[in-house]
Amino acid sequence: MTLAEMEQAIEDVAMSDIADFVLSSKGIVNGKKLATWVNSQVAYDDISKMPIPLAVTATNMTTRETIMIRSGNPGHAVQTSSTIPGAFVPVEHQGDVLVDGGLFSVVPVYTARALGAKKVIAVDIYCHNQVAPEISAGKITLAAFRMQSCRLSQEELNSADIIIAPTYEPNGSEAFDEKTESIKAGYIAAKQAMPKIKAMLAL
C-alpha cells in the first residue's frame, strides 16, 4: 500500500466501518469491526509474515504487564491494542484479559528497541500538547486516564532518539471527521523534525 493509498483509506473509512456498538456490561464497542477493517487493508494474514518486523502492544490485565503481539491475525492484534477499558469489550486470550497497550506504554519505544532498533523515531499524538478538559464526568475521567498513562510512560517516551509530536487535539465527538486536519498536523510535525532525522541518520 502506497502512502497515497493509506491516506485515501483513512479518508474513506466511516465510523460505522470500524465501530460495532453493543449492549454489554463489559463495554459499548465490540471491536470486531475494527479488526475486519484492518485485515481488509493489509496484504498479510499473519504479523510474522510481514517483511518489516512489527509488534503490536497490549496490556495484560491479569499479569499487569505490557505484552508484544508478534504473530497472528493483524486485525485482531490491533483490536486488542485499541481496547480502551470501559469503552471496548476486553479481549480474552488463554484465560488472560487483554486491553489497550497504551495503559502502560503510550508510545512503545522499548518494544522497538526489543525488535532490534538502534535508533527510534517516536510519534506521540497523546501526551504532548494536552489541553485542559471540559468539566463533565466523562471528559474528566478520560483526561485523568490520559494523564496517568502519560505519567507512567514518560521515561519510556523520553528514551526515544527523536519525538514527533503533532500539534493536534481531537475535538470531542467530531474528531472522527477531522481526518484532513490530523493528517496535516502529522505532516507539519514530521517536516519540522526532518533536520534532526537527517542528522541522526547522517543523510
N, C-alpha and C. Protein backbone atom coordinates (compact mmCIF):
# COMPACT_ATOMS: atom_id res chain seq x y z
N MET A 1 0.85 -1.19 0.00
CA MET A 1 0.00 0.00 0.00
C MET A 1 0.88 1.24 0.00
N THR A 2 0.66 2.13 -0.95
CA THR A 2 1.44 3.36 -1.04
C THR A 2 0.95 4.38 -0.01
N LEU A 3 1.74 5.44 0.16
CA LEU A 3 1.35 6.50 1.09
C LEU A 3 0.02 7.12 0.68
N ALA A 4 -0.15 7.35 -0.63
CA ALA A 4 -1.40 7.93 -1.12
C ALA A 4 -2.58 7.01 -0.86
N GLU A 5 -2.36 5.70 -1.01
CA GLU A 5 -3.42 4.73 -0.77
C GLU A 5 -3.79 4.69 0.71
N MET A 6 -2.79 4.80 1.58
CA MET A 6 -3.06 4.81 3.02
C MET A 6 -3.89 6.04 3.40
N GLU A 7 -3.50 7.18 2.85
CA GLU A 7 -4.24 8.41 3.15
C GLU A 7 -5.67 8.32 2.65
N GLN A 8 -5.86 7.73 1.47
CA GLN A 8 -7.20 7.60 0.92
C GLN A 8 -8.05 6.66 1.76
N ALA A 9 -7.42 5.58 2.25
CA ALA A 9 -8.14 4.62 3.09
C ALA A 9 -8.66 5.29 4.36
N ILE A 10 -7.85 6.16 4.94
CA ILE A 10 -8.25 6.88 6.14
C ILE A 10 -9.38 7.86 5.83
N GLU A 11 -9.27 8.54 4.69
CA GLU A 11 -10.30 9.50 4.30
C GLU A 11 -11.64 8.80 4.04
N ASP A 12 -11.57 7.58 3.50
CA ASP A 12 -12.78 6.86 3.10
C ASP A 12 -13.50 6.15 4.25
N VAL A 13 -12.76 5.76 5.29
CA VAL A 13 -13.37 4.96 6.35
C VAL A 13 -14.39 5.78 7.14
N ALA A 14 -15.50 5.15 7.45
CA ALA A 14 -16.56 5.79 8.24
C ALA A 14 -16.61 5.16 9.63
N MET A 15 -17.18 5.87 10.57
CA MET A 15 -17.31 5.34 11.92
C MET A 15 -18.01 4.00 11.92
N SER A 16 -19.02 3.87 11.08
CA SER A 16 -19.80 2.62 11.02
C SER A 16 -18.98 1.45 10.48
N ASP A 17 -17.84 1.75 9.83
CA ASP A 17 -16.97 0.69 9.30
C ASP A 17 -16.14 0.03 10.38
N ILE A 18 -15.89 0.74 11.47
CA ILE A 18 -14.96 0.23 12.47
C ILE A 18 -15.55 0.13 13.88
N ALA A 19 -16.73 0.70 14.10
CA ALA A 19 -17.33 0.68 15.44
C ALA A 19 -18.61 -0.14 15.44
N ASP A 20 -18.60 -1.24 16.20
CA ASP A 20 -19.79 -2.07 16.34
C ASP A 20 -20.28 -1.95 17.79
N PHE A 21 -21.29 -1.11 17.97
CA PHE A 21 -21.80 -0.84 19.31
C PHE A 21 -22.64 -2.01 19.82
N VAL A 22 -22.47 -2.32 21.10
CA VAL A 22 -23.17 -3.45 21.70
C VAL A 22 -23.72 -3.05 23.07
N LEU A 23 -24.71 -3.80 23.52
CA LEU A 23 -25.23 -3.64 24.87
C LEU A 23 -24.57 -4.70 25.74
N SER A 24 -23.56 -4.31 26.48
CA SER A 24 -22.81 -5.27 27.28
C SER A 24 -22.29 -4.58 28.54
N SER A 25 -22.21 -5.34 29.61
CA SER A 25 -21.67 -4.79 30.86
C SER A 25 -20.15 -4.64 30.77
N LYS A 26 -19.53 -5.23 29.72
CA LYS A 26 -18.07 -5.19 29.58
C LYS A 26 -17.58 -3.99 28.77
N GLY A 27 -18.48 -3.38 27.99
CA GLY A 27 -18.09 -2.25 27.15
C GLY A 27 -19.18 -1.93 26.16
N ILE A 28 -19.03 -0.82 25.45
CA ILE A 28 -20.07 -0.43 24.49
C ILE A 28 -19.66 -0.65 23.03
N VAL A 29 -18.37 -0.98 22.81
CA VAL A 29 -17.89 -1.27 21.46
C VAL A 29 -17.26 -2.65 21.46
N ASN A 30 -17.68 -3.49 20.52
CA ASN A 30 -17.16 -4.85 20.46
C ASN A 30 -15.72 -4.89 19.98
N GLY A 31 -15.44 -4.21 18.86
CA GLY A 31 -14.08 -4.18 18.33
C GLY A 31 -13.84 -5.08 17.14
N LYS A 32 -14.79 -5.98 16.85
CA LYS A 32 -14.59 -6.92 15.75
C LYS A 32 -14.63 -6.23 14.38
N LYS A 33 -15.43 -5.17 14.27
CA LYS A 33 -15.47 -4.42 13.00
C LYS A 33 -14.12 -3.76 12.72
N LEU A 34 -13.48 -3.27 13.76
CA LEU A 34 -12.16 -2.67 13.60
C LEU A 34 -11.18 -3.70 13.08
N ALA A 35 -11.23 -4.91 13.65
CA ALA A 35 -10.34 -5.98 13.22
C ALA A 35 -10.57 -6.33 11.76
N THR A 36 -11.83 -6.41 11.36
CA THR A 36 -12.17 -6.74 9.97
C THR A 36 -11.66 -5.67 9.02
N TRP A 37 -11.82 -4.40 9.40
CA TRP A 37 -11.36 -3.30 8.54
C TRP A 37 -9.85 -3.32 8.38
N VAL A 38 -9.13 -3.53 9.48
CA VAL A 38 -7.66 -3.58 9.41
C VAL A 38 -7.22 -4.70 8.49
N ASN A 39 -7.84 -5.87 8.62
CA ASN A 39 -7.47 -7.01 7.77
C ASN A 39 -7.73 -6.73 6.30
N SER A 40 -8.73 -5.90 6.01
CA SER A 40 -9.04 -5.58 4.61
C SER A 40 -8.01 -4.62 4.01
N GLN A 41 -7.20 -4.00 4.86
CA GLN A 41 -6.24 -3.00 4.39
C GLN A 41 -4.81 -3.53 4.28
N VAL A 42 -4.54 -4.69 4.86
CA VAL A 42 -3.17 -5.23 4.84
C VAL A 42 -3.10 -6.46 3.95
N ALA A 43 -1.90 -6.73 3.46
CA ALA A 43 -1.71 -7.82 2.50
C ALA A 43 -1.29 -9.13 3.15
N TYR A 44 -1.15 -9.14 4.47
CA TYR A 44 -0.68 -10.34 5.16
C TYR A 44 -1.70 -10.79 6.20
N ASP A 45 -1.86 -12.10 6.31
CA ASP A 45 -2.82 -12.65 7.28
C ASP A 45 -2.17 -12.99 8.61
N ASP A 46 -0.85 -12.80 8.69
CA ASP A 46 -0.13 -13.09 9.92
C ASP A 46 0.98 -12.06 10.10
N ILE A 47 1.05 -11.47 11.27
CA ILE A 47 2.06 -10.44 11.54
C ILE A 47 3.47 -10.95 11.29
N SER A 48 3.71 -12.21 11.62
CA SER A 48 5.06 -12.77 11.48
C SER A 48 5.52 -12.87 10.03
N LYS A 49 4.59 -12.78 9.08
CA LYS A 49 4.94 -12.87 7.66
C LYS A 49 5.31 -11.52 7.05
N MET A 50 5.11 -10.45 7.79
CA MET A 50 5.36 -9.11 7.25
C MET A 50 6.86 -8.88 7.04
N PRO A 51 7.24 -8.26 5.91
CA PRO A 51 8.66 -8.06 5.60
C PRO A 51 9.38 -7.13 6.57
N ILE A 52 8.67 -6.16 7.12
CA ILE A 52 9.24 -5.27 8.14
C ILE A 52 8.73 -5.74 9.50
N PRO A 53 9.64 -6.04 10.44
CA PRO A 53 9.22 -6.55 11.75
C PRO A 53 8.18 -5.64 12.42
N LEU A 54 7.15 -6.25 12.94
CA LEU A 54 6.08 -5.50 13.60
C LEU A 54 5.71 -6.16 14.92
N ALA A 55 5.52 -5.35 15.93
CA ALA A 55 4.98 -5.83 17.20
C ALA A 55 3.88 -4.87 17.63
N VAL A 56 2.75 -5.41 17.99
CA VAL A 56 1.62 -4.61 18.47
C VAL A 56 1.54 -4.81 19.98
N THR A 57 1.48 -3.73 20.74
CA THR A 57 1.47 -3.87 22.19
C THR A 57 0.06 -3.92 22.75
N ALA A 58 -0.06 -4.62 23.86
CA ALA A 58 -1.33 -4.70 24.59
C ALA A 58 -0.98 -4.80 26.08
N THR A 59 -1.96 -4.56 26.91
CA THR A 59 -1.75 -4.67 28.35
C THR A 59 -2.48 -5.90 28.87
N ASN A 60 -1.75 -6.78 29.54
CA ASN A 60 -2.34 -7.97 30.14
C ASN A 60 -2.83 -7.59 31.53
N MET A 61 -4.15 -7.49 31.69
CA MET A 61 -4.73 -7.08 32.96
C MET A 61 -4.57 -8.15 34.04
N THR A 62 -4.34 -9.39 33.60
CA THR A 62 -4.19 -10.49 34.55
C THR A 62 -2.81 -10.46 35.20
N THR A 63 -1.77 -10.27 34.37
CA THR A 63 -0.40 -10.26 34.87
C THR A 63 0.12 -8.85 35.13
N ARG A 64 -0.66 -7.84 34.71
CA ARG A 64 -0.31 -6.43 34.90
C ARG A 64 1.01 -6.06 34.22
N GLU A 65 1.14 -6.47 32.97
CA GLU A 65 2.35 -6.15 32.23
C GLU A 65 2.02 -5.87 30.76
N THR A 66 2.95 -5.19 30.09
CA THR A 66 2.82 -4.94 28.66
C THR A 66 3.30 -6.16 27.89
N ILE A 67 2.56 -6.57 26.89
CA ILE A 67 2.97 -7.71 26.08
C ILE A 67 3.14 -7.27 24.63
N MET A 68 3.96 -8.03 23.89
CA MET A 68 4.17 -7.78 22.47
C MET A 68 3.48 -8.87 21.66
N ILE A 69 2.63 -8.47 20.74
CA ILE A 69 1.99 -9.42 19.83
C ILE A 69 2.80 -9.41 18.54
N ARG A 70 3.50 -10.51 18.25
CA ARG A 70 4.40 -10.57 17.10
C ARG A 70 3.98 -11.59 16.06
N SER A 71 2.85 -12.22 16.29
CA SER A 71 2.34 -13.19 15.32
C SER A 71 0.83 -13.22 15.42
N GLY A 72 0.21 -13.84 14.42
CA GLY A 72 -1.24 -13.94 14.43
C GLY A 72 -1.91 -12.91 13.55
N ASN A 73 -3.22 -12.89 13.62
CA ASN A 73 -4.05 -12.03 12.78
C ASN A 73 -3.80 -10.54 13.08
N PRO A 74 -3.43 -9.74 12.07
CA PRO A 74 -3.14 -8.31 12.30
C PRO A 74 -4.34 -7.54 12.85
N GLY A 75 -5.52 -7.80 12.29
CA GLY A 75 -6.71 -7.10 12.73
C GLY A 75 -7.03 -7.37 14.19
N HIS A 76 -6.90 -8.62 14.59
CA HIS A 76 -7.19 -8.98 15.98
C HIS A 76 -6.17 -8.34 16.91
N ALA A 77 -4.92 -8.22 16.46
CA ALA A 77 -3.89 -7.58 17.27
C ALA A 77 -4.21 -6.10 17.48
N VAL A 78 -4.63 -5.42 16.42
CA VAL A 78 -4.98 -4.00 16.52
C VAL A 78 -6.22 -3.83 17.39
N GLN A 79 -7.19 -4.72 17.23
CA GLN A 79 -8.39 -4.67 18.07
C GLN A 79 -8.00 -4.77 19.55
N THR A 80 -7.11 -5.70 19.86
CA THR A 80 -6.67 -5.90 21.23
C THR A 80 -5.96 -4.66 21.77
N SER A 81 -5.05 -4.11 20.96
CA SER A 81 -4.28 -2.95 21.38
C SER A 81 -5.12 -1.68 21.50
N SER A 82 -6.28 -1.67 20.85
CA SER A 82 -7.15 -0.49 20.86
C SER A 82 -8.28 -0.57 21.88
N THR A 83 -8.29 -1.64 22.66
CA THR A 83 -9.39 -1.87 23.58
C THR A 83 -9.28 -0.99 24.82
N ILE A 84 -9.87 0.20 24.73
CA ILE A 84 -9.87 1.14 25.85
C ILE A 84 -10.76 0.59 26.96
N PRO A 85 -10.22 0.41 28.17
CA PRO A 85 -11.01 -0.14 29.27
C PRO A 85 -12.28 0.68 29.52
N GLY A 86 -13.39 -0.01 29.63
CA GLY A 86 -14.66 0.65 29.90
C GLY A 86 -15.42 1.03 28.65
N ALA A 87 -14.71 1.21 27.53
CA ALA A 87 -15.36 1.56 26.27
C ALA A 87 -15.47 0.35 25.36
N PHE A 88 -14.36 -0.38 25.19
CA PHE A 88 -14.34 -1.58 24.35
C PHE A 88 -14.49 -2.83 25.21
N VAL A 89 -15.11 -3.84 24.64
CA VAL A 89 -15.20 -5.14 25.30
C VAL A 89 -13.80 -5.74 25.34
N PRO A 90 -13.27 -6.10 26.51
CA PRO A 90 -11.92 -6.65 26.61
C PRO A 90 -11.75 -7.92 25.78
N VAL A 91 -10.52 -8.17 25.35
CA VAL A 91 -10.21 -9.38 24.59
C VAL A 91 -9.70 -10.43 25.56
N GLU A 92 -10.28 -11.61 25.52
CA GLU A 92 -9.84 -12.70 26.39
C GLU A 92 -9.00 -13.68 25.58
N HIS A 93 -7.82 -14.03 26.13
CA HIS A 93 -6.91 -14.93 25.42
C HIS A 93 -6.23 -15.86 26.42
N GLN A 94 -6.51 -17.14 26.28
CA GLN A 94 -5.92 -18.17 27.14
C GLN A 94 -6.07 -17.84 28.63
N GLY A 95 -7.25 -17.36 28.98
CA GLY A 95 -7.54 -17.07 30.37
C GLY A 95 -7.12 -15.70 30.85
N ASP A 96 -6.43 -14.95 29.99
CA ASP A 96 -6.00 -13.60 30.35
C ASP A 96 -6.92 -12.55 29.73
N VAL A 97 -6.98 -11.39 30.36
CA VAL A 97 -7.78 -10.27 29.85
C VAL A 97 -6.82 -9.23 29.29
N LEU A 98 -6.97 -8.92 27.99
CA LEU A 98 -6.07 -8.01 27.30
C LEU A 98 -6.79 -6.72 26.91
N VAL A 99 -6.13 -5.59 27.13
CA VAL A 99 -6.71 -4.29 26.78
C VAL A 99 -5.65 -3.39 26.13
N ASP A 100 -6.01 -2.13 25.97
CA ASP A 100 -5.19 -1.09 25.34
C ASP A 100 -3.72 -1.12 25.78
N GLY A 101 -2.81 -1.22 24.80
CA GLY A 101 -1.39 -1.22 25.12
C GLY A 101 -0.91 0.08 25.71
N GLY A 102 -1.66 1.15 25.48
CA GLY A 102 -1.28 2.46 25.99
C GLY A 102 -1.48 2.64 27.48
N LEU A 103 -2.04 1.65 28.14
CA LEU A 103 -2.25 1.75 29.58
C LEU A 103 -0.92 1.94 30.31
N PHE A 104 0.10 1.16 29.89
CA PHE A 104 1.43 1.26 30.48
C PHE A 104 2.48 1.80 29.51
N SER A 105 2.20 1.70 28.21
CA SER A 105 3.19 2.07 27.20
C SER A 105 2.50 2.85 26.09
N VAL A 106 2.36 4.17 26.29
CA VAL A 106 1.64 5.00 25.32
C VAL A 106 2.34 5.01 23.97
N VAL A 107 3.65 5.17 23.98
CA VAL A 107 4.46 5.12 22.76
C VAL A 107 5.51 4.03 22.99
N PRO A 108 5.36 2.87 22.35
CA PRO A 108 6.19 1.69 22.67
C PRO A 108 7.64 1.74 22.18
N VAL A 109 8.40 2.66 22.77
CA VAL A 109 9.82 2.79 22.41
C VAL A 109 10.60 1.54 22.82
N TYR A 110 10.32 1.02 24.01
CA TYR A 110 11.03 -0.17 24.48
C TYR A 110 10.76 -1.36 23.56
N THR A 111 9.54 -1.43 23.04
CA THR A 111 9.20 -2.52 22.12
C THR A 111 10.03 -2.42 20.85
N ALA A 112 10.18 -1.21 20.33
CA ALA A 112 11.00 -1.01 19.14
C ALA A 112 12.45 -1.42 19.40
N ARG A 113 12.96 -1.08 20.57
CA ARG A 113 14.32 -1.49 20.93
C ARG A 113 14.42 -3.01 21.01
N ALA A 114 13.39 -3.63 21.56
CA ALA A 114 13.39 -5.09 21.70
C ALA A 114 13.40 -5.79 20.34
N LEU A 115 12.85 -5.12 19.33
CA LEU A 115 12.85 -5.68 17.98
C LEU A 115 14.18 -5.46 17.27
N GLY A 116 15.09 -4.75 17.92
CA GLY A 116 16.41 -4.55 17.34
C GLY A 116 16.72 -3.16 16.85
N ALA A 117 15.79 -2.22 17.04
CA ALA A 117 16.02 -0.85 16.56
C ALA A 117 17.13 -0.17 17.37
N LYS A 118 18.12 0.36 16.67
CA LYS A 118 19.21 1.08 17.34
C LYS A 118 18.86 2.56 17.49
N LYS A 119 18.08 3.09 16.58
CA LYS A 119 17.59 4.46 16.66
C LYS A 119 16.07 4.43 16.58
N VAL A 120 15.42 5.19 17.43
CA VAL A 120 13.95 5.17 17.47
C VAL A 120 13.39 6.58 17.25
N ILE A 121 12.55 6.70 16.23
CA ILE A 121 11.80 7.93 15.99
C ILE A 121 10.38 7.66 16.48
N ALA A 122 10.00 8.28 17.57
CA ALA A 122 8.69 8.04 18.17
C ALA A 122 7.69 9.10 17.73
N VAL A 123 6.46 8.69 17.54
CA VAL A 123 5.38 9.62 17.20
C VAL A 123 4.39 9.64 18.36
N ASP A 124 4.28 10.78 18.99
CA ASP A 124 3.40 10.92 20.16
C ASP A 124 2.22 11.82 19.82
N ILE A 125 1.05 11.24 19.72
CA ILE A 125 -0.16 12.02 19.45
C ILE A 125 -1.05 12.12 20.69
N TYR A 126 -0.51 11.70 21.83
CA TYR A 126 -1.34 11.55 23.02
C TYR A 126 -0.90 12.40 24.21
N CYS A 127 0.41 12.42 24.48
CA CYS A 127 0.87 13.05 25.72
C CYS A 127 1.30 14.50 25.57
N HIS A 128 1.88 14.85 24.44
CA HIS A 128 2.27 16.24 24.21
C HIS A 128 1.03 17.08 23.89
N ASN A 129 1.14 18.34 24.15
CA ASN A 129 0.09 19.30 23.76
C ASN A 129 -1.28 19.01 24.38
N GLN A 130 -1.29 18.52 25.61
CA GLN A 130 -2.57 18.28 26.27
C GLN A 130 -3.22 19.62 26.64
N VAL A 131 -4.54 19.64 26.56
CA VAL A 131 -5.28 20.84 26.94
C VAL A 131 -6.19 20.51 28.12
N ALA A 132 -6.59 21.53 28.85
CA ALA A 132 -7.48 21.31 29.99
C ALA A 132 -8.83 20.77 29.51
N PRO A 133 -9.33 19.70 30.14
CA PRO A 133 -10.59 19.11 29.71
C PRO A 133 -11.80 19.94 30.11
N GLU A 134 -12.88 19.77 29.37
CA GLU A 134 -14.13 20.39 29.78
C GLU A 134 -14.62 19.70 31.05
N ILE A 135 -15.32 20.44 31.89
CA ILE A 135 -15.75 19.87 33.16
C ILE A 135 -17.05 19.09 32.98
N SER A 136 -16.88 17.81 32.73
CA SER A 136 -18.01 16.87 32.67
C SER A 136 -17.47 15.54 33.15
N ALA A 137 -18.34 14.70 33.69
CA ALA A 137 -17.89 13.44 34.29
C ALA A 137 -17.09 12.59 33.31
N GLY A 138 -17.62 12.43 32.10
CA GLY A 138 -16.95 11.58 31.12
C GLY A 138 -15.60 12.13 30.69
N LYS A 139 -15.54 13.42 30.39
CA LYS A 139 -14.30 14.02 29.90
C LYS A 139 -13.24 14.13 30.99
N ILE A 140 -13.66 14.38 32.21
CA ILE A 140 -12.70 14.42 33.31
C ILE A 140 -12.11 13.03 33.54
N THR A 141 -12.94 12.00 33.45
CA THR A 141 -12.46 10.63 33.63
C THR A 141 -11.44 10.26 32.56
N LEU A 142 -11.76 10.58 31.30
CA LEU A 142 -10.83 10.28 30.20
C LEU A 142 -9.54 11.07 30.35
N ALA A 143 -9.65 12.33 30.77
CA ALA A 143 -8.45 13.15 30.96
C ALA A 143 -7.57 12.61 32.07
N ALA A 144 -8.19 12.11 33.13
CA ALA A 144 -7.43 11.53 34.24
C ALA A 144 -6.72 10.26 33.80
N PHE A 145 -7.42 9.44 33.01
CA PHE A 145 -6.83 8.21 32.46
C PHE A 145 -5.63 8.56 31.58
N ARG A 146 -5.81 9.58 30.76
CA ARG A 146 -4.74 10.02 29.86
C ARG A 146 -3.54 10.53 30.65
N MET A 147 -3.80 11.34 31.65
CA MET A 147 -2.73 11.91 32.46
C MET A 147 -1.92 10.82 33.16
N GLN A 148 -2.63 9.83 33.70
CA GLN A 148 -1.97 8.74 34.41
C GLN A 148 -1.11 7.90 33.46
N SER A 149 -1.66 7.57 32.29
CA SER A 149 -0.92 6.77 31.32
C SER A 149 0.33 7.50 30.84
N CYS A 150 0.20 8.81 30.61
CA CYS A 150 1.35 9.59 30.14
C CYS A 150 2.43 9.68 31.21
N ARG A 151 2.03 9.81 32.46
CA ARG A 151 3.00 9.88 33.54
C ARG A 151 3.76 8.54 33.65
N LEU A 152 3.04 7.45 33.54
CA LEU A 152 3.67 6.13 33.63
C LEU A 152 4.62 5.88 32.45
N SER A 153 4.32 6.48 31.30
CA SER A 153 5.09 6.23 30.09
C SER A 153 6.16 7.28 29.81
N GLN A 154 6.28 8.28 30.68
CA GLN A 154 7.16 9.41 30.40
C GLN A 154 8.62 8.99 30.19
N GLU A 155 9.13 8.14 31.05
CA GLU A 155 10.53 7.72 30.94
C GLU A 155 10.77 6.97 29.62
N GLU A 156 9.83 6.10 29.26
CA GLU A 156 9.95 5.35 28.02
C GLU A 156 9.91 6.29 26.81
N LEU A 157 8.98 7.22 26.80
CA LEU A 157 8.85 8.15 25.68
C LEU A 157 10.11 9.00 25.54
N ASN A 158 10.64 9.48 26.65
CA ASN A 158 11.82 10.33 26.61
C ASN A 158 13.08 9.59 26.18
N SER A 159 13.03 8.26 26.17
CA SER A 159 14.19 7.47 25.76
C SER A 159 14.32 7.38 24.24
N ALA A 160 13.31 7.86 23.51
CA ALA A 160 13.38 7.85 22.04
C ALA A 160 14.44 8.84 21.58
N ASP A 161 15.07 8.56 20.45
CA ASP A 161 16.09 9.46 19.92
C ASP A 161 15.47 10.75 19.39
N ILE A 162 14.32 10.62 18.76
CA ILE A 162 13.59 11.78 18.23
C ILE A 162 12.10 11.56 18.50
N ILE A 163 11.41 12.61 18.93
CA ILE A 163 9.97 12.53 19.17
C ILE A 163 9.26 13.49 18.22
N ILE A 164 8.35 12.95 17.43
CA ILE A 164 7.50 13.76 16.57
C ILE A 164 6.16 13.90 17.29
N ALA A 165 5.78 15.13 17.61
CA ALA A 165 4.55 15.36 18.38
C ALA A 165 3.66 16.36 17.66
N PRO A 166 2.74 15.88 16.84
CA PRO A 166 1.83 16.78 16.12
C PRO A 166 1.02 17.66 17.07
N THR A 167 0.84 18.91 16.70
CA THR A 167 0.02 19.83 17.48
C THR A 167 -1.42 19.68 17.01
N TYR A 168 -2.11 18.76 17.63
CA TYR A 168 -3.50 18.48 17.23
C TYR A 168 -4.24 17.90 18.42
N GLU A 169 -5.35 18.46 18.74
CA GLU A 169 -6.18 17.97 19.84
C GLU A 169 -7.55 17.63 19.29
N PRO A 170 -7.94 16.33 19.34
CA PRO A 170 -9.25 15.93 18.82
C PRO A 170 -10.38 16.74 19.43
N ASN A 171 -11.36 17.07 18.61
CA ASN A 171 -12.48 17.90 19.05
C ASN A 171 -13.67 17.05 19.47
N GLY A 172 -13.48 16.31 20.54
CA GLY A 172 -14.58 15.52 21.10
C GLY A 172 -15.19 14.55 20.11
N SER A 173 -16.53 14.52 20.06
CA SER A 173 -17.26 13.58 19.21
C SER A 173 -17.08 13.86 17.73
N GLU A 174 -16.61 15.07 17.39
CA GLU A 174 -16.42 15.42 15.99
C GLU A 174 -15.03 15.05 15.47
N ALA A 175 -14.19 14.48 16.34
CA ALA A 175 -12.81 14.21 15.97
C ALA A 175 -12.69 13.26 14.79
N PHE A 176 -13.63 12.33 14.66
CA PHE A 176 -13.54 11.34 13.59
C PHE A 176 -13.62 12.00 12.22
N ASP A 177 -14.27 13.15 12.14
CA ASP A 177 -14.42 13.85 10.86
C ASP A 177 -13.29 14.84 10.60
N GLU A 178 -12.32 14.87 11.50
CA GLU A 178 -11.20 15.81 11.36
C GLU A 178 -9.96 15.13 10.79
N LYS A 179 -10.17 14.19 9.88
CA LYS A 179 -9.05 13.40 9.35
C LYS A 179 -8.05 14.27 8.61
N THR A 180 -8.54 15.16 7.77
CA THR A 180 -7.65 16.02 6.99
C THR A 180 -6.79 16.87 7.91
N GLU A 181 -7.40 17.40 8.97
CA GLU A 181 -6.66 18.24 9.92
C GLU A 181 -5.58 17.43 10.64
N SER A 182 -5.91 16.20 11.03
CA SER A 182 -4.94 15.38 11.76
C SER A 182 -3.78 14.96 10.86
N ILE A 183 -4.09 14.63 9.60
CA ILE A 183 -3.03 14.26 8.65
C ILE A 183 -2.10 15.45 8.41
N LYS A 184 -2.69 16.63 8.26
CA LYS A 184 -1.89 17.84 8.04
C LYS A 184 -0.99 18.12 9.24
N ALA A 185 -1.53 17.95 10.43
CA ALA A 185 -0.75 18.19 11.65
C ALA A 185 0.43 17.23 11.72
N GLY A 186 0.20 15.98 11.34
CA GLY A 186 1.27 14.99 11.34
C GLY A 186 2.35 15.33 10.32
N TYR A 187 1.92 15.78 9.15
CA TYR A 187 2.86 16.16 8.09
C TYR A 187 3.74 17.32 8.54
N ILE A 188 3.12 18.33 9.14
CA ILE A 188 3.87 19.50 9.59
C ILE A 188 4.90 19.12 10.65
N ALA A 189 4.47 18.30 11.61
CA ALA A 189 5.37 17.88 12.69
C ALA A 189 6.53 17.05 12.16
N ALA A 190 6.25 16.16 11.21
CA ALA A 190 7.30 15.32 10.63
C ALA A 190 8.29 16.17 9.83
N LYS A 191 7.76 17.13 9.10
CA LYS A 191 8.62 18.02 8.30
C LYS A 191 9.54 18.83 9.20
N GLN A 192 9.02 19.29 10.32
CA GLN A 192 9.83 20.06 11.27
C GLN A 192 10.94 19.21 11.88
N ALA A 193 10.69 17.91 11.99
CA ALA A 193 11.68 17.01 12.59
C ALA A 193 12.72 16.51 11.60
N MET A 194 12.52 16.75 10.30
CA MET A 194 13.41 16.21 9.28
C MET A 194 14.88 16.59 9.45
N PRO A 195 15.22 17.84 9.80
CA PRO A 195 16.64 18.16 10.00
C PRO A 195 17.30 17.27 11.06
N LYS A 196 16.59 17.03 12.18
CA LYS A 196 17.13 16.15 13.22
C LYS A 196 17.24 14.71 12.73
N ILE A 197 16.24 14.27 11.98
CA ILE A 197 16.25 12.90 11.46
C ILE A 197 17.42 12.71 10.50
N LYS A 198 17.61 13.65 9.59
CA LYS A 198 18.72 13.56 8.63
C LYS A 198 20.07 13.59 9.34
N ALA A 199 20.17 14.42 10.36
CA ALA A 199 21.43 14.49 11.11
C ALA A 199 21.70 13.18 11.85
N MET A 200 20.65 12.60 12.42
CA MET A 200 20.82 11.35 13.15
C MET A 200 21.24 10.22 12.23
N LEU A 201 20.67 10.21 11.02
CA LEU A 201 20.97 9.16 10.06
C LEU A 201 22.15 9.53 9.16
N ALA A 202 22.72 10.72 9.40
CA ALA A 202 23.86 11.21 8.63
C ALA A 202 23.56 11.24 7.14
N LEU A 203 22.38 11.78 6.78
CA LEU A 203 21.99 11.86 5.37
C LEU A 203 22.45 13.18 4.76
